[in-house]
N, C-alpha and C. Protein backbone atom coordinates (compact mmCIF):
# COMPACT_ATOMS: atom_id res chain seq x y z
N UNK A 1 23.20 95.43 -36.71
CA UNK A 1 22.94 94.04 -36.33
C UNK A 1 21.97 93.40 -37.31
N UNK A 2 20.92 94.08 -37.68
CA UNK A 2 19.91 93.47 -38.50
C UNK A 2 19.98 93.88 -39.97
N UNK A 3 20.90 94.75 -40.32
CA UNK A 3 20.92 95.34 -41.64
C UNK A 3 20.87 94.31 -42.79
N UNK A 4 21.53 93.22 -42.68
CA UNK A 4 21.54 92.22 -43.78
C UNK A 4 20.48 91.14 -43.59
N UNK A 5 19.86 91.06 -42.42
CA UNK A 5 18.90 90.02 -42.14
C UNK A 5 17.45 90.43 -42.37
N UNK A 6 17.17 91.69 -42.30
CA UNK A 6 15.78 92.19 -42.49
C UNK A 6 15.73 92.93 -43.82
N UNK A 7 14.77 92.54 -44.67
CA UNK A 7 14.64 93.16 -45.97
C UNK A 7 13.17 93.52 -46.21
N UNK A 8 12.96 94.43 -47.13
CA UNK A 8 11.60 94.80 -47.50
C UNK A 8 11.54 94.89 -49.03
N UNK A 9 10.59 94.16 -49.59
CA UNK A 9 10.44 94.14 -51.05
C UNK A 9 8.96 94.15 -51.33
N UNK A 10 8.47 95.11 -52.14
CA UNK A 10 7.02 95.19 -52.40
C UNK A 10 6.43 93.93 -52.99
N UNK A 11 7.27 93.06 -53.53
CA UNK A 11 6.75 91.81 -54.15
C UNK A 11 6.66 90.69 -53.14
N UNK A 12 7.13 90.92 -51.92
CA UNK A 12 7.10 89.89 -50.88
C UNK A 12 6.38 90.43 -49.68
N UNK A 13 5.32 89.73 -49.23
CA UNK A 13 4.56 90.08 -48.03
C UNK A 13 4.09 91.55 -48.07
N UNK A 14 3.69 92.02 -49.24
CA UNK A 14 3.19 93.37 -49.45
C UNK A 14 4.18 94.43 -48.96
N UNK A 15 5.47 94.10 -49.03
CA UNK A 15 6.52 95.07 -48.65
C UNK A 15 6.82 95.13 -47.17
N UNK A 16 6.14 94.29 -46.37
CA UNK A 16 6.43 94.29 -44.92
C UNK A 16 7.87 93.77 -44.72
N UNK A 17 8.55 94.21 -43.68
CA UNK A 17 9.88 93.70 -43.38
C UNK A 17 9.84 92.21 -43.10
N UNK A 18 10.73 91.47 -43.74
CA UNK A 18 10.82 90.01 -43.57
C UNK A 18 12.25 89.63 -43.30
N UNK A 19 12.42 88.41 -42.81
CA UNK A 19 13.75 87.83 -42.68
C UNK A 19 14.23 87.50 -44.10
N UNK A 20 15.44 87.96 -44.42
CA UNK A 20 15.98 87.76 -45.77
C UNK A 20 15.94 86.32 -46.17
N UNK A 21 15.48 86.08 -47.42
CA UNK A 21 15.39 84.73 -47.95
C UNK A 21 14.15 83.96 -47.52
N UNK A 22 13.26 84.63 -46.81
CA UNK A 22 12.01 83.97 -46.36
C UNK A 22 10.85 84.91 -46.61
N UNK A 23 9.68 84.42 -46.29
CA UNK A 23 8.46 85.24 -46.28
C UNK A 23 7.97 85.43 -44.84
N UNK A 24 8.85 85.21 -43.89
CA UNK A 24 8.49 85.32 -42.49
C UNK A 24 8.68 86.76 -42.07
N UNK A 25 7.57 87.42 -41.71
CA UNK A 25 7.62 88.84 -41.40
C UNK A 25 8.07 89.09 -39.97
N UNK A 26 8.65 90.27 -39.78
CA UNK A 26 9.00 90.74 -38.43
C UNK A 26 7.74 90.76 -37.57
N UNK A 27 6.66 91.20 -38.16
CA UNK A 27 5.37 91.22 -37.45
C UNK A 27 4.96 89.87 -36.91
N UNK A 28 5.09 88.83 -37.72
CA UNK A 28 4.73 87.47 -37.26
C UNK A 28 5.60 87.05 -36.07
N UNK A 29 6.90 87.33 -36.18
CA UNK A 29 7.81 86.95 -35.12
C UNK A 29 7.42 87.64 -33.78
N UNK A 30 7.18 88.97 -33.90
CA UNK A 30 6.82 89.70 -32.70
C UNK A 30 5.46 89.26 -32.12
N UNK A 31 4.49 88.98 -33.02
CA UNK A 31 3.18 88.50 -32.56
C UNK A 31 3.34 87.19 -31.79
N UNK A 32 4.09 86.26 -32.34
CA UNK A 32 4.28 84.94 -31.72
C UNK A 32 4.97 85.09 -30.38
N UNK A 33 6.01 85.90 -30.28
CA UNK A 33 6.75 86.08 -29.03
C UNK A 33 5.86 86.78 -28.02
N UNK A 34 5.10 87.77 -28.45
CA UNK A 34 4.17 88.49 -27.55
C UNK A 34 3.07 87.56 -27.05
N UNK A 35 2.71 86.55 -27.80
CA UNK A 35 1.65 85.62 -27.39
C UNK A 35 2.21 84.58 -26.45
N UNK A 36 3.51 84.59 -26.21
CA UNK A 36 4.11 83.62 -25.27
C UNK A 36 4.90 82.50 -25.88
N UNK A 37 4.94 82.44 -27.19
CA UNK A 37 5.72 81.36 -27.83
C UNK A 37 7.21 81.60 -27.58
N UNK A 38 7.91 80.59 -27.24
CA UNK A 38 9.34 80.71 -26.97
C UNK A 38 10.13 80.80 -28.29
N UNK A 39 11.29 81.38 -28.20
CA UNK A 39 12.18 81.40 -29.38
C UNK A 39 12.45 80.00 -29.87
N UNK A 40 12.69 79.09 -28.94
CA UNK A 40 12.95 77.71 -29.34
C UNK A 40 11.78 77.13 -30.08
N UNK A 41 10.55 77.32 -29.61
CA UNK A 41 9.38 76.82 -30.32
C UNK A 41 9.27 77.45 -31.69
N UNK A 42 9.53 78.72 -31.82
CA UNK A 42 9.45 79.39 -33.11
C UNK A 42 10.49 78.82 -34.07
N UNK A 43 11.71 78.61 -33.54
CA UNK A 43 12.77 78.03 -34.39
C UNK A 43 12.43 76.61 -34.78
N UNK A 44 11.84 75.84 -33.90
CA UNK A 44 11.42 74.47 -34.21
C UNK A 44 10.36 74.45 -35.35
N UNK A 45 9.48 75.43 -35.30
CA UNK A 45 8.41 75.51 -36.30
C UNK A 45 8.92 76.06 -37.64
N UNK A 46 9.99 76.79 -37.60
CA UNK A 46 10.54 77.45 -38.81
C UNK A 46 12.02 77.14 -38.89
N UNK A 47 12.39 75.95 -39.33
CA UNK A 47 13.80 75.53 -39.29
C UNK A 47 14.71 76.38 -40.23
N UNK A 48 14.16 77.14 -41.12
CA UNK A 48 14.99 77.99 -41.97
C UNK A 48 15.53 79.21 -41.21
N UNK A 49 14.95 79.48 -40.04
CA UNK A 49 15.37 80.64 -39.27
C UNK A 49 16.50 80.30 -38.29
N UNK A 50 17.17 81.34 -37.82
CA UNK A 50 18.18 81.22 -36.80
C UNK A 50 17.81 82.10 -35.64
N UNK A 51 18.43 81.84 -34.50
CA UNK A 51 18.24 82.72 -33.34
C UNK A 51 18.66 84.14 -33.67
N UNK A 52 19.72 84.28 -34.46
CA UNK A 52 20.21 85.61 -34.86
C UNK A 52 19.14 86.35 -35.68
N UNK A 53 18.41 85.62 -36.51
CA UNK A 53 17.34 86.27 -37.31
C UNK A 53 16.23 86.77 -36.41
N UNK A 54 15.89 86.02 -35.40
CA UNK A 54 14.82 86.46 -34.49
C UNK A 54 15.33 87.69 -33.70
N UNK A 55 16.54 87.65 -33.26
CA UNK A 55 17.09 88.77 -32.52
C UNK A 55 17.16 90.00 -33.45
N UNK A 56 17.45 89.80 -34.70
CA UNK A 56 17.47 90.88 -35.67
C UNK A 56 16.08 91.50 -35.83
N UNK A 57 15.03 90.67 -35.84
CA UNK A 57 13.66 91.17 -35.95
C UNK A 57 13.31 92.04 -34.74
N UNK A 58 13.69 91.59 -33.55
CA UNK A 58 13.46 92.37 -32.34
C UNK A 58 14.23 93.70 -32.38
N UNK A 59 15.50 93.64 -32.79
CA UNK A 59 16.29 94.86 -32.85
C UNK A 59 15.73 95.84 -33.89
N UNK A 60 15.26 95.30 -35.02
CA UNK A 60 14.64 96.15 -36.03
C UNK A 60 13.39 96.87 -35.46
N UNK A 61 12.56 96.14 -34.79
CA UNK A 61 11.34 96.74 -34.21
C UNK A 61 11.74 97.80 -33.18
N UNK A 62 12.72 97.53 -32.33
CA UNK A 62 13.11 98.48 -31.32
C UNK A 62 13.66 99.75 -32.01
N UNK A 63 14.42 99.56 -33.05
CA UNK A 63 15.00 100.72 -33.78
C UNK A 63 13.87 101.59 -34.38
N UNK A 64 12.87 100.93 -34.96
CA UNK A 64 11.74 101.67 -35.56
C UNK A 64 11.03 102.48 -34.45
N UNK A 65 10.83 101.90 -33.29
CA UNK A 65 10.14 102.56 -32.23
C UNK A 65 10.94 103.70 -31.57
N UNK A 66 12.25 103.72 -31.81
CA UNK A 66 13.10 104.77 -31.30
C UNK A 66 12.95 106.05 -32.10
N UNK A 67 12.28 106.03 -33.24
CA UNK A 67 12.15 107.21 -34.06
C UNK A 67 11.41 108.29 -33.29
N UNK A 68 11.39 109.47 -33.85
CA UNK A 68 10.76 110.62 -33.20
C UNK A 68 9.22 110.62 -33.30
N UNK A 69 8.69 109.69 -34.03
CA UNK A 69 7.24 109.65 -34.23
C UNK A 69 6.57 109.17 -32.94
N UNK A 70 5.39 109.75 -32.67
CA UNK A 70 4.62 109.35 -31.46
C UNK A 70 3.53 108.40 -31.93
N UNK A 71 3.39 107.29 -31.22
CA UNK A 71 2.37 106.29 -31.49
C UNK A 71 1.38 106.25 -30.34
N UNK A 72 0.29 106.97 -30.43
CA UNK A 72 -0.69 106.94 -29.32
C UNK A 72 -1.28 105.54 -29.19
N UNK A 73 -1.48 105.15 -27.93
CA UNK A 73 -2.08 103.86 -27.63
C UNK A 73 -3.46 104.11 -27.13
N UNK A 74 -4.45 103.51 -27.80
CA UNK A 74 -5.86 103.70 -27.44
C UNK A 74 -6.07 103.28 -26.00
N UNK A 75 -6.71 104.14 -25.24
CA UNK A 75 -7.01 103.77 -23.83
C UNK A 75 -5.91 104.18 -22.83
N UNK A 76 -4.80 104.73 -23.32
CA UNK A 76 -3.74 105.13 -22.38
C UNK A 76 -4.01 106.57 -21.87
N UNK A 77 -3.48 106.83 -20.73
CA UNK A 77 -3.62 108.17 -20.12
C UNK A 77 -2.80 109.15 -20.92
N UNK A 78 -3.37 110.30 -21.20
CA UNK A 78 -2.64 111.28 -21.98
C UNK A 78 -2.34 112.51 -21.13
C-alpha cells in the first residue's frame, strides 16, 4: 500500500521516511494525528498531500511496529 508513497533518502529530512515528492515526514504526520489534528485539517494545511499519502504513513508505521523488535515504554509494567 505504501511502497511507492513512502521514501527515505539521506539527503532529505536526514533520511527519515517522508511522503514521496515532499519533505513531510511520517513522524510529523503521526505527531499531528496523535495530537488530535484531523486528517482534513492536515490536508488543508498541506495541499500537496492526499488522504492516500496519510494512510500510507500510518500503514508504514504499523508495519515497522510489527517487526520482531521490542520497544520498551518507560513507565510501563514489565
